[in-house]
C-alpha atoms as a PDB file:
ATOM      1  CA  MET A   1      35.932  16.984 -13.660  1.00  0.00           C
ATOM      2  CA  SER A   2      36.415  20.359 -11.988  1.00  0.00           C
ATOM      3  CA  ASP A   3      33.629  22.606 -10.722  1.00  0.00           C
ATOM      4  CA  THR A   4      34.215  25.003 -13.627  1.00  0.00           C
ATOM      5  CA  GLU A   5      34.061  22.462 -16.477  1.00  0.00           C
ATOM      6  CA  THR A   6      30.868  21.793 -18.398  1.00  0.00           C
ATOM      7  CA  LEU A   7      29.851  18.331 -19.495  1.00  0.00           C
ATOM      8  CA  ALA A   8      27.017  18.074 -22.020  1.00  0.00           C
ATOM      9  CA  HIS A   9      25.101  15.146 -23.502  1.00  0.00           C
ATOM     10  CA  THR A  10      22.646  15.578 -26.376  1.00  0.00           C
ATOM     11  CA  TYR A  11      19.581  13.405 -26.976  1.00  0.00           C
ATOM     12  CA  ASN A  12      17.336  13.488 -30.042  1.00  0.00           C
ATOM     13  CA  THR A  13      13.868  12.277 -30.941  1.00  0.00           C
ATOM     14  CA  SER A  14      11.622  12.710 -33.957  1.00  0.00           C
ATOM     15  CA  LEU A  15       7.824  12.712 -34.062  1.00  0.00           C
ATOM     16  CA  ILE A  16       5.371  11.745 -36.722  1.00  0.00           C
ATOM     17  CA  TRP A  17       1.734  12.662 -36.151  1.00  0.00           C
ATOM     18  CA  VAL A  18      -0.538  10.131 -37.836  1.00  0.00           C
ATOM     19  CA  THR A  19      -2.845  12.235 -40.043  1.00  0.00           C
ATOM     20  CA  GLY A  20      -6.506  11.726 -39.211  1.00  0.00           C
ATOM     21  CA  GLU A  21      -5.686   9.888 -35.979  1.00  0.00           C
ATOM     22  CA  ASP A  22      -5.331  10.950 -32.354  1.00  0.00           C
ATOM     23  CA  GLU A  23      -1.874   9.466 -32.025  1.00  0.00           C
ATOM     24  CA  GLY A  24       1.669   9.808 -33.218  1.00  0.00           C
ATOM     25  CA  ILE A  25       4.953   7.939 -33.243  1.00  0.00           C
ATOM     26  CA  ILE A  26       8.121   8.884 -31.393  1.00  0.00           C
ATOM     27  CA  LYS A  27      11.423   7.624 -32.776  1.00  0.00           C
ATOM     28  CA  SER A  28      14.998   7.884 -31.627  1.00  0.00           C
ATOM     29  CA  GLY A  29      17.753   6.117 -33.505  1.00  0.00           C
ATOM     30  CA  THR A  30      17.371   2.353 -33.521  1.00  0.00           C
ATOM     31  CA  ARG A  31      15.151   2.275 -30.424  1.00  0.00           C
ATOM     32  CA  MET A  32      11.696   0.716 -30.624  1.00  0.00           C
ATOM     33  CA  PRO A  33       9.144   3.317 -31.811  1.00  0.00           C
ATOM     34  CA  LEU A  34       6.642   4.512 -29.240  1.00  0.00           C
ATOM     35  CA  LEU A  35       2.991   5.377 -29.908  1.00  0.00           C
ATOM     36  CA  PHE A  36       1.721   8.451 -28.093  1.00  0.00           C
ATOM     37  CA  GLY A  37      -1.396  10.551 -27.884  1.00  0.00           C
ATOM     38  CA  PRO A  38      -3.443  12.606 -25.469  1.00  0.00           C
ATOM     39  CA  PRO A  39      -4.909  10.855 -22.415  1.00  0.00           C
ATOM     40  CA  PRO A  40      -8.673  10.381 -22.007  1.00  0.00           C
ATOM     41  CA  GLU A  41      -8.814  13.473 -19.756  1.00  0.00           C
ATOM     42  CA  PHE A  42      -7.814  15.549 -22.786  1.00  0.00           C
ATOM     43  CA  ASN A  43     -10.000  13.836 -25.411  1.00  0.00           C
ATOM     44  CA  GLY A  44      -7.551  11.043 -26.123  1.00  0.00           C
ATOM     45  CA  THR A  45      -7.348   7.349 -25.494  1.00  0.00           C
ATOM     46  CA  ASP A  46      -5.904   5.032 -22.886  1.00  0.00           C
ATOM     47  CA  THR A  47      -4.433   2.662 -25.474  1.00  0.00           C
ATOM     48  CA  VAL A  48      -1.235   4.593 -26.222  1.00  0.00           C
ATOM     49  CA  TRP A  49       1.287   6.409 -24.041  1.00  0.00           C
ATOM     50  CA  SER A  50       0.324   9.983 -23.155  1.00  0.00           C
ATOM     51  CA  PRO A  51       2.916  12.732 -22.580  1.00  0.00           C
ATOM     52  CA  GLU A  52       1.796  12.724 -18.951  1.00  0.00           C
ATOM     53  CA  HIS A  53       2.498   9.005 -18.577  1.00  0.00           C
ATOM     54  CA  LEU A  54       5.813   9.400 -20.403  1.00  0.00           C
ATOM     55  CA  LEU A  55       6.855  12.181 -18.020  1.00  0.00           C
ATOM     56  CA  LEU A  56       5.999  10.038 -15.005  1.00  0.00           C
ATOM     57  CA  ALA A  57       7.754   7.034 -16.567  1.00  0.00           C
ATOM     58  CA  SER A  58      10.802   9.234 -17.218  1.00  0.00           C
ATOM     59  CA  VAL A  59      10.999  10.348 -13.591  1.00  0.00           C
ATOM     60  CA  SER A  60      10.450   6.863 -12.154  1.00  0.00           C
ATOM     61  CA  SER A  61      12.824   5.123 -14.573  1.00  0.00           C
ATOM     62  CA  CYS A  62      15.495   7.786 -14.024  1.00  0.00           C
ATOM     63  CA  TYR A  63      15.206   7.340 -10.261  1.00  0.00           C
ATOM     64  CA  THR A  64      15.472   3.574 -10.771  1.00  0.00           C
ATOM     65  CA  THR A  65      18.539   3.710 -13.035  1.00  0.00           C
ATOM     66  CA  THR A  66      20.204   6.211 -10.696  1.00  0.00           C
ATOM     67  CA  LEU A  67      19.446   3.962  -7.726  1.00  0.00           C
ATOM     68  CA  ARG A  68      20.889   0.968  -9.623  1.00  0.00           C
ATOM     69  CA  TYR A  69      24.071   2.957 -10.307  1.00  0.00           C
ATOM     70  CA  PHE A  70      24.564   3.554  -6.572  1.00  0.00           C
ATOM     71  CA  VAL A  71      23.593  -0.047  -5.720  1.00  0.00           C
ATOM     72  CA  LYS A  72      26.503  -1.212  -7.885  1.00  0.00           C
ATOM     73  CA  LEU A  73      28.843   1.476  -6.551  1.00  0.00           C
ATOM     74  CA  LEU A  74      28.027   0.529  -2.945  1.00  0.00           C
ATOM     75  CA  LYS A  75      28.202  -3.205  -3.794  1.00  0.00           C
ATOM     76  CA  LEU A  76      24.718  -3.868  -2.465  1.00  0.00           C
ATOM     77  CA  ASN A  77      22.637  -6.836  -3.495  1.00  0.00           C
ATOM     78  CA  ILE A  78      18.986  -6.270  -4.351  1.00  0.00           C
ATOM     79  CA  HIS A  79      16.875  -9.402  -4.623  1.00  0.00           C
ATOM     80  CA  ASP A  80      13.790  -7.721  -6.082  1.00  0.00           C
ATOM     81  CA  TYR A  81      12.720  -4.234  -7.134  1.00  0.00           C
ATOM     82  CA  LYS A  82       9.606  -2.623  -8.488  1.00  0.00           C
ATOM     83  CA  MET A  83       8.357   0.925  -8.662  1.00  0.00           C
ATOM     84  CA  ASP A  84       4.859   2.324  -8.451  1.00  0.00           C
ATOM     85  CA  ALA A  85       4.498   6.009  -9.236  1.00  0.00           C
ATOM     86  CA  GLU A  86       1.779   8.625  -9.256  1.00  0.00           C
ATOM     87  CA  MET A  87       1.701  12.118 -10.723  1.00  0.00           C
ATOM     88  CA  ILE A  88      -0.792  14.800  -9.782  1.00  0.00           C
ATOM     89  CA  ILE A  89      -1.596  17.475 -12.339  1.00  0.00           C
ATOM     90  CA  THR A  90      -3.526  20.518 -11.173  1.00  0.00           C
ATOM     91  CA  LYS A  91      -5.000  23.677 -12.594  1.00  0.00           C
ATOM     92  CA  GLU A  92      -5.589  26.662 -10.357  1.00  0.00           C
ATOM     93  CA  GLY A  93      -7.828  29.439 -11.609  1.00  0.00           C
ATOM     94  CA  ALA A  94      -6.712  30.840 -14.954  1.00  0.00           C
ATOM     95  CA  SER A  95      -3.248  29.290 -14.723  1.00  0.00           C
ATOM     96  CA  PRO A  96      -2.338  26.398 -17.044  1.00  0.00           C
ATOM     97  CA  PHE A  97      -2.228  22.762 -15.973  1.00  0.00           C
ATOM     98  CA  SER A  98       1.033  21.746 -14.345  1.00  0.00           C
ATOM     99  CA  VAL A  99       2.500  18.868 -12.404  1.00  0.00           C
ATOM    100  CA  SER A 100       2.155  19.675  -8.726  1.00  0.00           C
ATOM    101  CA  LYS A 101       3.458  16.453  -7.213  1.00  0.00           C
ATOM    102  CA  ILE A 102       5.101  13.167  -8.139  1.00  0.00           C
ATOM    103  CA  ILE A 103       5.096  10.293  -5.670  1.00  0.00           C
ATOM    104  CA  LEU A 104       7.588   7.472  -6.187  1.00  0.00           C
ATOM    105  CA  ASN A 105       7.017   4.219  -4.316  1.00  0.00           C
ATOM    106  CA  PRO A 106      10.048   2.005  -4.820  1.00  0.00           C
ATOM    107  CA  HIS A 107       9.606  -1.493  -3.371  1.00  0.00           C
ATOM    108  CA  ILE A 108      13.095  -2.777  -2.649  1.00  0.00           C
ATOM    109  CA  VAL A 109      13.920  -6.245  -1.352  1.00  0.00           C
ATOM    110  CA  PHE A 110      17.543  -6.457  -0.266  1.00  0.00           C
ATOM    111  CA  ALA A 111      19.237  -9.850  -0.396  1.00  0.00           C
ATOM    112  CA  HIS A 112      21.113  -8.985   2.809  1.00  0.00           C
ATOM    113  CA  THR A 113      20.398  -6.439   5.512  1.00  0.00           C
ATOM    114  CA  PRO A 114      22.638  -3.406   5.020  1.00  0.00           C
ATOM    115  CA  ALA A 115      23.131  -0.866   7.788  1.00  0.00           C
ATOM    116  CA  PRO A 116      20.207   1.601   8.052  1.00  0.00           C
ATOM    117  CA  ASN A 117      22.426   4.559   7.134  1.00  0.00           C
ATOM    118  CA  VAL A 118      23.417   2.751   3.912  1.00  0.00           C
ATOM    119  CA  ILE A 119      19.781   2.457   2.846  1.00  0.00           C
ATOM    120  CA  ASP A 120      19.088   6.117   3.693  1.00  0.00           C
ATOM    121  CA  ASN A 121      22.221   7.154   1.806  1.00  0.00           C
ATOM    122  CA  LEU A 122      21.218   5.077  -1.231  1.00  0.00           C
ATOM    123  CA  LEU A 123      17.692   6.534  -1.381  1.00  0.00           C
ATOM    124  CA  SER A 124      18.993  10.065  -0.867  1.00  0.00           C
ATOM    125  CA  LYS A 125      21.574   9.761  -3.648  1.00  0.00           C
ATOM    126  CA  ALA A 126      19.056   8.282  -6.086  1.00  0.00           C
ATOM    127  CA  LYS A 127      16.762  11.271  -5.562  1.00  0.00           C
ATOM    128  CA  ARG A 128      19.537  13.868  -5.548  1.00  0.00           C
ATOM    129  CA  TYR A 129      21.272  12.691  -8.732  1.00  0.00           C
ATOM    130  CA  CYS A 130      18.257  11.764 -10.891  1.00  0.00           C
ATOM    131  CA  ILE A 131      18.629  14.069 -13.902  1.00  0.00           C
ATOM    132  CA  ILE A 132      14.970  13.970 -14.891  1.00  0.00           C
ATOM    133  CA  SER A 133      13.537  14.707 -11.436  1.00  0.00           C
ATOM    134  CA  ASN A 134      16.047  17.560 -11.110  1.00  0.00           C
ATOM    135  CA  SER A 135      14.557  18.964 -14.332  1.00  0.00           C
ATOM    136  CA  VAL A 136      10.925  18.842 -13.201  1.00  0.00           C
ATOM    137  CA  ASN A 137       9.399  21.802 -11.388  1.00  0.00           C
ATOM    138  CA  ALA A 138       7.233  19.769  -9.015  1.00  0.00           C
ATOM    139  CA  GLU A 139       7.466  18.305  -5.549  1.00  0.00           C
ATOM    140  CA  ILE A 140       8.891  14.791  -5.740  1.00  0.00           C
ATOM    141  CA  GLU A 141       8.169  12.571  -2.774  1.00  0.00           C
ATOM    142  CA  VAL A 142       9.843   9.183  -2.363  1.00  0.00           C
ATOM    143  CA  LYS A 143       7.957   6.703  -0.182  1.00  0.00           C
ATOM    144  CA  PRO A 144      10.037   3.528  -0.211  1.00  0.00           C
ATOM    145  CA  GLU A 145       8.961   0.147   0.986  1.00  0.00           C
ATOM    146  CA  ILE A 146      12.044  -1.731   2.165  1.00  0.00           C
ATOM    147  CA  SER A 147      12.236  -5.403   3.035  1.00  0.00           C
ATOM    148  CA  PHE A 148      14.860  -8.096   3.306  1.00  0.00           C
ATOM    149  CA  TYR A 149      15.022 -11.485   1.658  1.00  0.00           C
END
């Protein structure tokens, strides 16, 4: 693809708000439906996914799938992987709430010890090419924990 070509992908969802309830249902094609509602901080519940949790899950899962893409491309072998993530939402004065910072803590256990520059390159590419984090107007900090099996 040249620098002047445009490549576009379209994604769709539909929402149903459950009348009389504080939750709704998100659907997209044949995917499993997802219950959502406001978090407790905004008069909701902690029993269904909030938009805030979905945003954080989108950033962390996008980083993870992007990392996995480069793991395969670089022919690396990961023995174990998990991600912890945190999102900070702030409100300053009369301005609306917004995400000020997202912290991603990937815990990666490599099956073999790759060269240090390979690990740095992998982490850098995962952050640089994650579509969702590139779409979020917040600081995104990656604090990896790397170990070897």
